[in-house]
mmCIF file of all heavy atoms, coordinates in Angstrom:
data_MODEL
# 
_entry.id   MODEL 
# 
loop_
_atom_site.group_PDB 
_atom_site.id 
_atom_site.type_symbol 
_atom_site.label_atom_id 
_atom_site.label_alt_id 
_atom_site.label_comp_id 
_atom_site.label_asym_id 
_atom_site.label_entity_id 
_atom_site.label_seq_id 
_atom_site.pdbx_PDB_ins_code 
_atom_site.Cartn_x 
_atom_site.Cartn_y 
_atom_site.Cartn_z 
_atom_site.occupancy 
_atom_site.B_iso_or_equiv 
_atom_site.pdbx_formal_charge 
_atom_site.auth_seq_id 
_atom_site.auth_comp_id 
_atom_site.auth_asym_id 
_atom_site.auth_atom_id 
_atom_site.pdbx_PDB_model_num 
ATOM 1   N N   . VAL A 1 1  ? 53.052 35.837 16.514 1.00 0.00 ? 1  VAL A N   1 
ATOM 2   C CA  . VAL A 1 1  ? 53.906 36.650 15.646 1.00 0.00 ? 1  VAL A CA  1 
ATOM 3   C C   . VAL A 1 1  ? 54.645 35.752 14.662 1.00 0.00 ? 1  VAL A C   1 
ATOM 4   O O   . VAL A 1 1  ? 55.401 34.858 15.062 1.00 0.00 ? 1  VAL A O   1 
ATOM 5   C CB  . VAL A 1 1  ? 54.917 37.465 16.473 1.00 0.00 ? 1  VAL A CB  1 
ATOM 6   C CG1 . VAL A 1 1  ? 55.778 38.322 15.549 1.00 0.00 ? 1  VAL A CG1 1 
ATOM 7   C CG2 . VAL A 1 1  ? 54.201 38.327 17.500 1.00 0.00 ? 1  VAL A CG2 1 
ATOM 8   N N   . PHE A 1 2  ? 54.416 35.998 13.367 1.00 0.00 ? 2  PHE A N   1 
ATOM 9   C CA  . PHE A 1 2  ? 55.169 35.318 12.305 1.00 0.00 ? 2  PHE A CA  1 
ATOM 10  C C   . PHE A 1 2  ? 56.287 36.256 11.855 1.00 0.00 ? 2  PHE A C   1 
ATOM 11  O O   . PHE A 1 2  ? 56.030 37.318 11.284 1.00 0.00 ? 2  PHE A O   1 
ATOM 12  C CB  . PHE A 1 2  ? 54.251 34.991 11.118 1.00 0.00 ? 2  PHE A CB  1 
ATOM 13  C CG  . PHE A 1 2  ? 53.196 33.969 11.418 1.00 0.00 ? 2  PHE A CG  1 
ATOM 14  C CD1 . PHE A 1 2  ? 51.942 34.364 11.870 1.00 0.00 ? 2  PHE A CD1 1 
ATOM 15  C CD2 . PHE A 1 2  ? 53.455 32.619 11.251 1.00 0.00 ? 2  PHE A CD2 1 
ATOM 16  C CE1 . PHE A 1 2  ? 50.960 33.422 12.131 1.00 0.00 ? 2  PHE A CE1 1 
ATOM 17  C CE2 . PHE A 1 2  ? 52.484 31.667 11.516 1.00 0.00 ? 2  PHE A CE2 1 
ATOM 18  C CZ  . PHE A 1 2  ? 51.233 32.071 11.961 1.00 0.00 ? 2  PHE A CZ  1 
ATOM 19  N N   . ASN A 1 3  ? 57.513 35.876 12.125 1.00 0.00 ? 3  ASN A N   1 
ATOM 20  C CA  . ASN A 1 3  ? 58.658 36.699 11.722 1.00 0.00 ? 3  ASN A CA  1 
ATOM 21  C C   . ASN A 1 3  ? 59.059 36.335 10.296 1.00 0.00 ? 3  ASN A C   1 
ATOM 22  O O   . ASN A 1 3  ? 59.872 35.442 10.071 1.00 0.00 ? 3  ASN A O   1 
ATOM 23  C CB  . ASN A 1 3  ? 59.817 36.485 12.692 1.00 0.00 ? 3  ASN A CB  1 
ATOM 24  C CG  . ASN A 1 3  ? 59.536 37.097 14.046 1.00 0.00 ? 3  ASN A CG  1 
ATOM 25  O OD1 . ASN A 1 3  ? 59.215 38.276 14.142 1.00 0.00 ? 3  ASN A OD1 1 
ATOM 26  N ND2 . ASN A 1 3  ? 59.636 36.294 15.094 1.00 0.00 ? 3  ASN A ND2 1 
ATOM 27  N N   . THR A 1 4  ? 58.443 37.017 9.345  1.00 0.00 ? 4  THR A N   1 
ATOM 28  C CA  . THR A 1 4  ? 58.722 36.752 7.936  1.00 0.00 ? 4  THR A CA  1 
ATOM 29  C C   . THR A 1 4  ? 60.039 37.401 7.519  1.00 0.00 ? 4  THR A C   1 
ATOM 30  O O   . THR A 1 4  ? 60.683 38.118 8.305  1.00 0.00 ? 4  THR A O   1 
ATOM 31  C CB  . THR A 1 4  ? 57.580 37.286 7.063  1.00 0.00 ? 4  THR A CB  1 
ATOM 32  O OG1 . THR A 1 4  ? 57.544 38.717 7.170  1.00 0.00 ? 4  THR A OG1 1 
ATOM 33  C CG2 . THR A 1 4  ? 56.239 36.719 7.510  1.00 0.00 ? 4  THR A CG2 1 
ATOM 34  N N   . LYS A 1 5  ? 60.435 37.185 6.285  1.00 0.00 ? 5  LYS A N   1 
ATOM 35  C CA  . LYS A 1 5  ? 61.705 37.691 5.780  1.00 0.00 ? 5  LYS A CA  1 
ATOM 36  C C   . LYS A 1 5  ? 61.761 39.210 5.812  1.00 0.00 ? 5  LYS A C   1 
ATOM 37  O O   . LYS A 1 5  ? 62.808 39.810 6.081  1.00 0.00 ? 5  LYS A O   1 
ATOM 38  C CB  . LYS A 1 5  ? 61.931 37.188 4.356  1.00 0.00 ? 5  LYS A CB  1 
ATOM 39  C CG  . LYS A 1 5  ? 63.264 37.610 3.753  1.00 0.00 ? 5  LYS A CG  1 
ATOM 40  C CD  . LYS A 1 5  ? 63.432 37.037 2.354  1.00 0.00 ? 5  LYS A CD  1 
ATOM 41  C CE  . LYS A 1 5  ? 64.759 37.467 1.748  1.00 0.00 ? 5  LYS A CE  1 
ATOM 42  N NZ  . LYS A 1 5  ? 64.934 36.921 0.366  1.00 0.00 ? 5  LYS A NZ  1 
ATOM 43  N N   . HIS A 1 6  ? 60.633 39.858 5.528  1.00 0.00 ? 6  HIS A N   1 
ATOM 44  C CA  . HIS A 1 6  ? 60.624 41.315 5.437  1.00 0.00 ? 6  HIS A CA  1 
ATOM 45  C C   . HIS A 1 6  ? 60.125 41.964 6.730  1.00 0.00 ? 6  HIS A C   1 
ATOM 46  O O   . HIS A 1 6  ? 60.856 42.687 7.397  1.00 0.00 ? 6  HIS A O   1 
ATOM 47  C CB  . HIS A 1 6  ? 59.763 41.750 4.248  1.00 0.00 ? 6  HIS A CB  1 
ATOM 48  C CG  . HIS A 1 6  ? 60.256 41.216 2.939  1.00 0.00 ? 6  HIS A CG  1 
ATOM 49  N ND1 . HIS A 1 6  ? 61.385 41.702 2.326  1.00 0.00 ? 6  HIS A ND1 1 
ATOM 50  C CD2 . HIS A 1 6  ? 59.774 40.229 2.119  1.00 0.00 ? 6  HIS A CD2 1 
ATOM 51  C CE1 . HIS A 1 6  ? 61.589 41.053 1.188  1.00 0.00 ? 6  HIS A CE1 1 
ATOM 52  N NE2 . HIS A 1 6  ? 60.624 40.151 1.046  1.00 0.00 ? 6  HIS A NE2 1 
ATOM 53  N N   . ARG A 1 7  ? 58.866 41.707 7.104  1.00 0.00 ? 7  ARG A N   1 
ATOM 54  C CA  . ARG A 1 7  ? 58.282 42.324 8.294  1.00 0.00 ? 7  ARG A CA  1 
ATOM 55  C C   . ARG A 1 7  ? 57.402 41.304 9.008  1.00 0.00 ? 7  ARG A C   1 
ATOM 56  O O   . ARG A 1 7  ? 56.836 40.422 8.372  1.00 0.00 ? 7  ARG A O   1 
ATOM 57  C CB  . ARG A 1 7  ? 57.452 43.551 7.911  1.00 0.00 ? 7  ARG A CB  1 
ATOM 58  C CG  . ARG A 1 7  ? 58.297 44.706 7.393  1.00 0.00 ? 7  ARG A CG  1 
ATOM 59  C CD  . ARG A 1 7  ? 57.432 45.827 6.889  1.00 0.00 ? 7  ARG A CD  1 
ATOM 60  N NE  . ARG A 1 7  ? 58.246 46.888 6.306  1.00 0.00 ? 7  ARG A NE  1 
ATOM 61  C CZ  . ARG A 1 7  ? 57.739 47.900 5.615  1.00 0.00 ? 7  ARG A CZ  1 
ATOM 62  N NH1 . ARG A 1 7  ? 56.441 47.981 5.426  1.00 0.00 ? 7  ARG A NH1 1 
ATOM 63  N NH2 . ARG A 1 7  ? 58.543 48.823 5.119  1.00 0.00 ? 7  ARG A NH2 1 
ATOM 64  N N   . PRO A 1 8  ? 57.262 41.434 10.311 1.00 0.00 ? 8  PRO A N   1 
ATOM 65  C CA  . PRO A 1 8  ? 56.416 40.481 11.039 1.00 0.00 ? 8  PRO A CA  1 
ATOM 66  C C   . PRO A 1 8  ? 54.939 40.642 10.706 1.00 0.00 ? 8  PRO A C   1 
ATOM 67  O O   . PRO A 1 8  ? 54.478 41.739 10.380 1.00 0.00 ? 8  PRO A O   1 
ATOM 68  C CB  . PRO A 1 8  ? 56.702 40.812 12.502 1.00 0.00 ? 8  PRO A CB  1 
ATOM 69  C CG  . PRO A 1 8  ? 57.175 42.222 12.493 1.00 0.00 ? 8  PRO A CG  1 
ATOM 70  C CD  . PRO A 1 8  ? 57.918 42.401 11.202 1.00 0.00 ? 8  PRO A CD  1 
ATOM 71  N N   . ILE A 1 9  ? 54.219 39.549 10.796 1.00 0.00 ? 9  ILE A N   1 
ATOM 72  C CA  . ILE A 1 9  ? 52.768 39.526 10.645 1.00 0.00 ? 9  ILE A CA  1 
ATOM 73  C C   . ILE A 1 9  ? 52.182 38.919 11.913 1.00 0.00 ? 9  ILE A C   1 
ATOM 74  O O   . ILE A 1 9  ? 52.681 37.902 12.410 1.00 0.00 ? 9  ILE A O   1 
ATOM 75  C CB  . ILE A 1 9  ? 52.333 38.706 9.421  1.00 0.00 ? 9  ILE A CB  1 
ATOM 76  C CG1 . ILE A 1 9  ? 52.874 39.341 8.139  1.00 0.00 ? 9  ILE A CG1 1 
ATOM 77  C CG2 . ILE A 1 9  ? 50.806 38.590 9.358  1.00 0.00 ? 9  ILE A CG2 1 
ATOM 78  C CD1 . ILE A 1 9  ? 52.597 38.526 6.892  1.00 0.00 ? 9  ILE A CD1 1 
ATOM 79  N N   . VAL A 1 10 ? 51.153 39.541 12.452 1.00 0.00 ? 10 VAL A N   1 
ATOM 80  C CA  . VAL A 1 10 ? 50.532 39.061 13.683 1.00 0.00 ? 10 VAL A CA  1 
ATOM 81  C C   . VAL A 1 10 ? 49.153 38.509 13.350 1.00 0.00 ? 10 VAL A C   1 
ATOM 82  O O   . VAL A 1 10 ? 48.295 39.217 12.816 1.00 0.00 ? 10 VAL A O   1 
ATOM 83  C CB  . VAL A 1 10 ? 50.412 40.176 14.730 1.00 0.00 ? 10 VAL A CB  1 
ATOM 84  C CG1 . VAL A 1 10 ? 49.738 39.649 15.996 1.00 0.00 ? 10 VAL A CG1 1 
ATOM 85  C CG2 . VAL A 1 10 ? 51.788 40.742 15.061 1.00 0.00 ? 10 VAL A CG2 1 
ATOM 86  N N   . ALA A 1 11 ? 48.939 37.226 13.657 1.00 0.00 ? 11 ALA A N   1 
ATOM 87  C CA  . ALA A 1 11 ? 47.626 36.607 13.539 1.00 0.00 ? 11 ALA A CA  1 
ATOM 88  C C   . ALA A 1 11 ? 47.045 36.485 14.938 1.00 0.00 ? 11 ALA A C   1 
ATOM 89  O O   . ALA A 1 11 ? 47.722 35.995 15.853 1.00 0.00 ? 11 ALA A O   1 
ATOM 90  C CB  . ALA A 1 11 ? 47.735 35.236 12.881 1.00 0.00 ? 11 ALA A CB  1 
ATOM 91  N N   . GLY A 1 12 ? 45.828 36.947 15.115 1.00 0.00 ? 12 GLY A N   1 
ATOM 92  C CA  . GLY A 1 12 ? 45.298 36.972 16.476 1.00 0.00 ? 12 GLY A CA  1 
ATOM 93  C C   . GLY A 1 12 ? 43.807 36.748 16.557 1.00 0.00 ? 12 GLY A C   1 
ATOM 94  O O   . GLY A 1 12 ? 43.093 36.745 15.537 1.00 0.00 ? 12 GLY A O   1 
ATOM 95  N N   . THR A 1 13 ? 43.342 36.580 17.780 1.00 0.00 ? 13 THR A N   1 
ATOM 96  C CA  . THR A 1 13 ? 41.918 36.407 18.047 1.00 0.00 ? 13 THR A CA  1 
ATOM 97  C C   . THR A 1 13 ? 41.593 37.046 19.381 1.00 0.00 ? 13 THR A C   1 
ATOM 98  O O   . THR A 1 13 ? 42.461 37.153 20.264 1.00 0.00 ? 13 THR A O   1 
ATOM 99  C CB  . THR A 1 13 ? 41.540 34.909 18.050 1.00 0.00 ? 13 THR A CB  1 
ATOM 100 O OG1 . THR A 1 13 ? 40.120 34.780 18.114 1.00 0.00 ? 13 THR A OG1 1 
ATOM 101 C CG2 . THR A 1 13 ? 42.188 34.180 19.205 1.00 0.00 ? 13 THR A CG2 1 
ATOM 102 N N   . GLU A 1 14 ? 40.347 37.507 19.544 1.00 0.00 ? 14 GLU A N   1 
ATOM 103 C CA  . GLU A 1 14 ? 39.926 38.089 20.812 1.00 0.00 ? 14 GLU A CA  1 
ATOM 104 C C   . GLU A 1 14 ? 38.484 37.722 21.087 1.00 0.00 ? 14 GLU A C   1 
ATOM 105 O O   . GLU A 1 14 ? 37.686 37.494 20.161 1.00 0.00 ? 14 GLU A O   1 
ATOM 106 C CB  . GLU A 1 14 ? 40.085 39.616 20.809 1.00 0.00 ? 14 GLU A CB  1 
ATOM 107 C CG  . GLU A 1 14 ? 39.149 40.348 19.861 1.00 0.00 ? 14 GLU A CG  1 
ATOM 108 C CD  . GLU A 1 14 ? 39.333 41.861 19.919 1.00 0.00 ? 14 GLU A CD  1 
ATOM 109 O OE1 . GLU A 1 14 ? 40.418 42.313 20.333 1.00 0.00 ? 14 GLU A OE1 1 
ATOM 110 O OE2 . GLU A 1 14 ? 38.393 42.582 19.554 1.00 0.00 ? 14 GLU A OE2 1 
ATOM 111 N N   . PHE A 1 15 ? 38.146 37.645 22.371 1.00 0.00 ? 15 PHE A N   1 
ATOM 112 C CA  . PHE A 1 15 ? 36.793 37.303 22.797 1.00 0.00 ? 15 PHE A CA  1 
ATOM 113 C C   . PHE A 1 15 ? 36.357 38.337 23.815 1.00 0.00 ? 15 PHE A C   1 
ATOM 114 O O   . PHE A 1 15 ? 37.033 38.543 24.834 1.00 0.00 ? 15 PHE A O   1 
ATOM 115 C CB  . PHE A 1 15 ? 36.768 35.906 23.407 1.00 0.00 ? 15 PHE A CB  1 
ATOM 116 C CG  . PHE A 1 15 ? 35.379 35.394 23.657 1.00 0.00 ? 15 PHE A CG  1 
ATOM 117 C CD1 . PHE A 1 15 ? 34.588 34.958 22.603 1.00 0.00 ? 15 PHE A CD1 1 
ATOM 118 C CD2 . PHE A 1 15 ? 34.861 35.342 24.942 1.00 0.00 ? 15 PHE A CD2 1 
ATOM 119 C CE1 . PHE A 1 15 ? 33.310 34.483 22.825 1.00 0.00 ? 15 PHE A CE1 1 
ATOM 120 C CE2 . PHE A 1 15 ? 33.578 34.862 25.171 1.00 0.00 ? 15 PHE A CE2 1 
ATOM 121 C CZ  . PHE A 1 15 ? 32.803 34.427 24.105 1.00 0.00 ? 15 PHE A CZ  1 
ATOM 122 N N   . ILE A 1 16 ? 35.225 39.008 23.557 1.00 0.00 ? 16 ILE A N   1 
ATOM 123 C CA  . ILE A 1 16 ? 34.744 40.113 24.377 1.00 0.00 ? 16 ILE A CA  1 
ATOM 124 C C   . ILE A 1 16 ? 33.332 39.806 24.854 1.00 0.00 ? 16 ILE A C   1 
ATOM 125 O O   . ILE A 1 16 ? 32.479 39.356 24.073 1.00 0.00 ? 16 ILE A O   1 
ATOM 126 C CB  . ILE A 1 16 ? 34.729 41.427 23.573 1.00 0.00 ? 16 ILE A CB  1 
ATOM 127 C CG1 . ILE A 1 16 ? 36.145 41.796 23.111 1.00 0.00 ? 16 ILE A CG1 1 
ATOM 128 C CG2 . ILE A 1 16 ? 34.120 42.556 24.395 1.00 0.00 ? 16 ILE A CG2 1 
ATOM 129 C CD1 . ILE A 1 16 ? 37.086 42.177 24.216 1.00 0.00 ? 16 ILE A CD1 1 
ATOM 130 N N   . ILE A 1 17 ? 33.060 40.047 26.137 1.00 0.00 ? 17 ILE A N   1 
ATOM 131 C CA  . ILE A 1 17 ? 31.715 39.891 26.680 1.00 0.00 ? 17 ILE A CA  1 
ATOM 132 C C   . ILE A 1 17 ? 31.400 41.083 27.583 1.00 0.00 ? 17 ILE A C   1 
ATOM 133 O O   . ILE A 1 17 ? 32.305 41.685 28.166 1.00 0.00 ? 17 ILE A O   1 
ATOM 134 C CB  . ILE A 1 17 ? 31.542 38.576 27.460 1.00 0.00 ? 17 ILE A CB  1 
ATOM 135 C CG1 . ILE A 1 17 ? 32.585 38.465 28.572 1.00 0.00 ? 17 ILE A CG1 1 
ATOM 136 C CG2 . ILE A 1 17 ? 31.631 37.379 26.543 1.00 0.00 ? 17 ILE A CG2 1 
ATOM 137 C CD1 . ILE A 1 17 ? 32.451 37.219 29.416 1.00 0.00 ? 17 ILE A CD1 1 
ATOM 138 N N   . PRO A 1 18 ? 30.115 41.450 27.738 1.00 0.00 ? 18 PRO A N   1 
ATOM 139 C CA  . PRO A 1 18 ? 29.770 42.571 28.606 1.00 0.00 ? 18 PRO A CA  1 
ATOM 140 C C   . PRO A 1 18 ? 29.739 42.148 30.069 1.00 0.00 ? 18 PRO A C   1 
ATOM 141 O O   . PRO A 1 18 ? 29.526 40.965 30.391 1.00 0.00 ? 18 PRO A O   1 
ATOM 142 C CB  . PRO A 1 18 ? 28.370 42.962 28.119 1.00 0.00 ? 18 PRO A CB  1 
ATOM 143 C CG  . PRO A 1 18 ? 27.798 41.689 27.597 1.00 0.00 ? 18 PRO A CG  1 
ATOM 144 C CD  . PRO A 1 18 ? 28.952 40.928 26.997 1.00 0.00 ? 18 PRO A CD  1 
ATOM 145 N N   . PHE A 1 19 ? 29.953 43.099 30.960 1.00 0.00 ? 19 PHE A N   1 
ATOM 146 C CA  . PHE A 1 19 ? 29.732 42.844 32.374 1.00 0.00 ? 19 PHE A CA  1 
ATOM 147 C C   . PHE A 1 19 ? 28.234 42.616 32.594 1.00 0.00 ? 19 PHE A C   1 
ATOM 148 O O   . PHE A 1 19 ? 27.390 43.265 31.979 1.00 0.00 ? 19 PHE A O   1 
ATOM 149 C CB  . PHE A 1 19 ? 30.198 44.032 33.215 1.00 0.00 ? 19 PHE A CB  1 
ATOM 150 C CG  . PHE A 1 19 ? 31.686 44.126 33.356 1.00 0.00 ? 19 PHE A CG  1 
ATOM 151 C CD1 . PHE A 1 19 ? 32.417 45.013 32.568 1.00 0.00 ? 19 PHE A CD1 1 
ATOM 152 C CD2 . PHE A 1 19 ? 32.355 43.337 34.273 1.00 0.00 ? 19 PHE A CD2 1 
ATOM 153 C CE1 . PHE A 1 19 ? 33.793 45.115 32.708 1.00 0.00 ? 19 PHE A CE1 1 
ATOM 154 C CE2 . PHE A 1 19 ? 33.735 43.432 34.412 1.00 0.00 ? 19 PHE A CE2 1 
ATOM 155 C CZ  . PHE A 1 19 ? 34.458 44.316 33.632 1.00 0.00 ? 19 PHE A CZ  1 
ATOM 156 N N   . GLY A 1 20 ? 27.899 41.692 33.473 1.00 0.00 ? 20 GLY A N   1 
ATOM 157 C CA  . GLY A 1 20 ? 26.497 41.424 33.763 1.00 0.00 ? 20 GLY A CA  1 
ATOM 158 C C   . GLY A 1 20 ? 26.305 39.999 34.236 1.00 0.00 ? 20 GLY A C   1 
ATOM 159 O O   . GLY A 1 20 ? 27.232 39.186 34.256 1.00 0.00 ? 20 GLY A O   1 
ATOM 160 N N   . ALA A 1 21 ? 25.045 39.683 34.598 1.00 0.00 ? 21 ALA A N   1 
ATOM 161 C CA  . ALA A 1 21 ? 24.741 38.370 35.156 1.00 0.00 ? 21 ALA A CA  1 
ATOM 162 C C   . ALA A 1 21 ? 24.710 37.287 34.089 1.00 0.00 ? 21 ALA A C   1 
ATOM 163 O O   . ALA A 1 21 ? 25.193 36.176 34.298 1.00 0.00 ? 21 ALA A O   1 
ATOM 164 C CB  . ALA A 1 21 ? 23.401 38.428 35.891 1.00 0.00 ? 21 ALA A CB  1 
ATOM 165 N N   . ASP A 1 22 ? 24.105 37.587 32.937 1.00 0.00 ? 22 ASP A N   1 
ATOM 166 C CA  . ASP A 1 22 ? 23.984 36.602 31.852 1.00 0.00 ? 22 ASP A CA  1 
ATOM 167 C C   . ASP A 1 22 ? 25.215 36.712 30.964 1.00 0.00 ? 22 ASP A C   1 
ATOM 168 O O   . ASP A 1 22 ? 25.214 37.381 29.929 1.00 0.00 ? 22 ASP A O   1 
ATOM 169 C CB  . ASP A 1 22 ? 22.699 36.846 31.051 1.00 0.00 ? 22 ASP A CB  1 
ATOM 170 C CG  . ASP A 1 22 ? 21.457 36.728 31.925 1.00 0.00 ? 22 ASP A CG  1 
ATOM 171 O OD1 . ASP A 1 22 ? 21.458 35.853 32.821 1.00 0.00 ? 22 ASP A OD1 1 
ATOM 172 O OD2 . ASP A 1 22 ? 20.515 37.502 31.715 1.00 0.00 ? 22 ASP A OD2 1 
ATOM 173 N N   . VAL A 1 23 ? 26.258 36.011 31.356 1.00 0.00 ? 23 VAL A N   1 
ATOM 174 C CA  . VAL A 1 23 ? 27.577 36.222 30.761 1.00 0.00 ? 23 VAL A CA  1 
ATOM 175 C C   . VAL A 1 23 ? 27.597 35.926 29.270 1.00 0.00 ? 23 VAL A C   1 
ATOM 176 O O   . VAL A 1 23 ? 28.157 36.689 28.475 1.00 0.00 ? 23 VAL A O   1 
ATOM 177 C CB  . VAL A 1 23 ? 28.628 35.362 31.494 1.00 0.00 ? 23 VAL A CB  1 
ATOM 178 C CG1 . VAL A 1 23 ? 29.983 35.486 30.813 1.00 0.00 ? 23 VAL A CG1 1 
ATOM 179 C CG2 . VAL A 1 23 ? 28.719 35.775 32.949 1.00 0.00 ? 23 VAL A CG2 1 
ATOM 180 N N   . LEU A 1 24 ? 26.989 34.824 28.834 1.00 0.00 ? 24 LEU A N   1 
ATOM 181 C CA  . LEU A 1 24 ? 27.122 34.398 27.444 1.00 0.00 ? 24 LEU A CA  1 
ATOM 182 C C   . LEU A 1 24 ? 25.910 34.746 26.578 1.00 0.00 ? 24 LEU A C   1 
ATOM 183 O O   . LEU A 1 24 ? 25.775 34.233 25.470 1.00 0.00 ? 24 LEU A O   1 
ATOM 184 C CB  . LEU A 1 24 ? 27.400 32.890 27.391 1.00 0.00 ? 24 LEU A CB  1 
ATOM 185 C CG  . LEU A 1 24 ? 28.752 32.461 27.970 1.00 0.00 ? 24 LEU A CG  1 
ATOM 186 C CD1 . LEU A 1 24 ? 28.924 30.964 27.860 1.00 0.00 ? 24 LEU A CD1 1 
ATOM 187 C CD2 . LEU A 1 24 ? 29.901 33.181 27.274 1.00 0.00 ? 24 LEU A CD2 1 
# 
């Protein structure tokens, strides 16, 4: 969370994988 002068900005990342044997 970047708390800027006016309103916060959120920079983010996510990593998603399916359930199963061959994970990657």
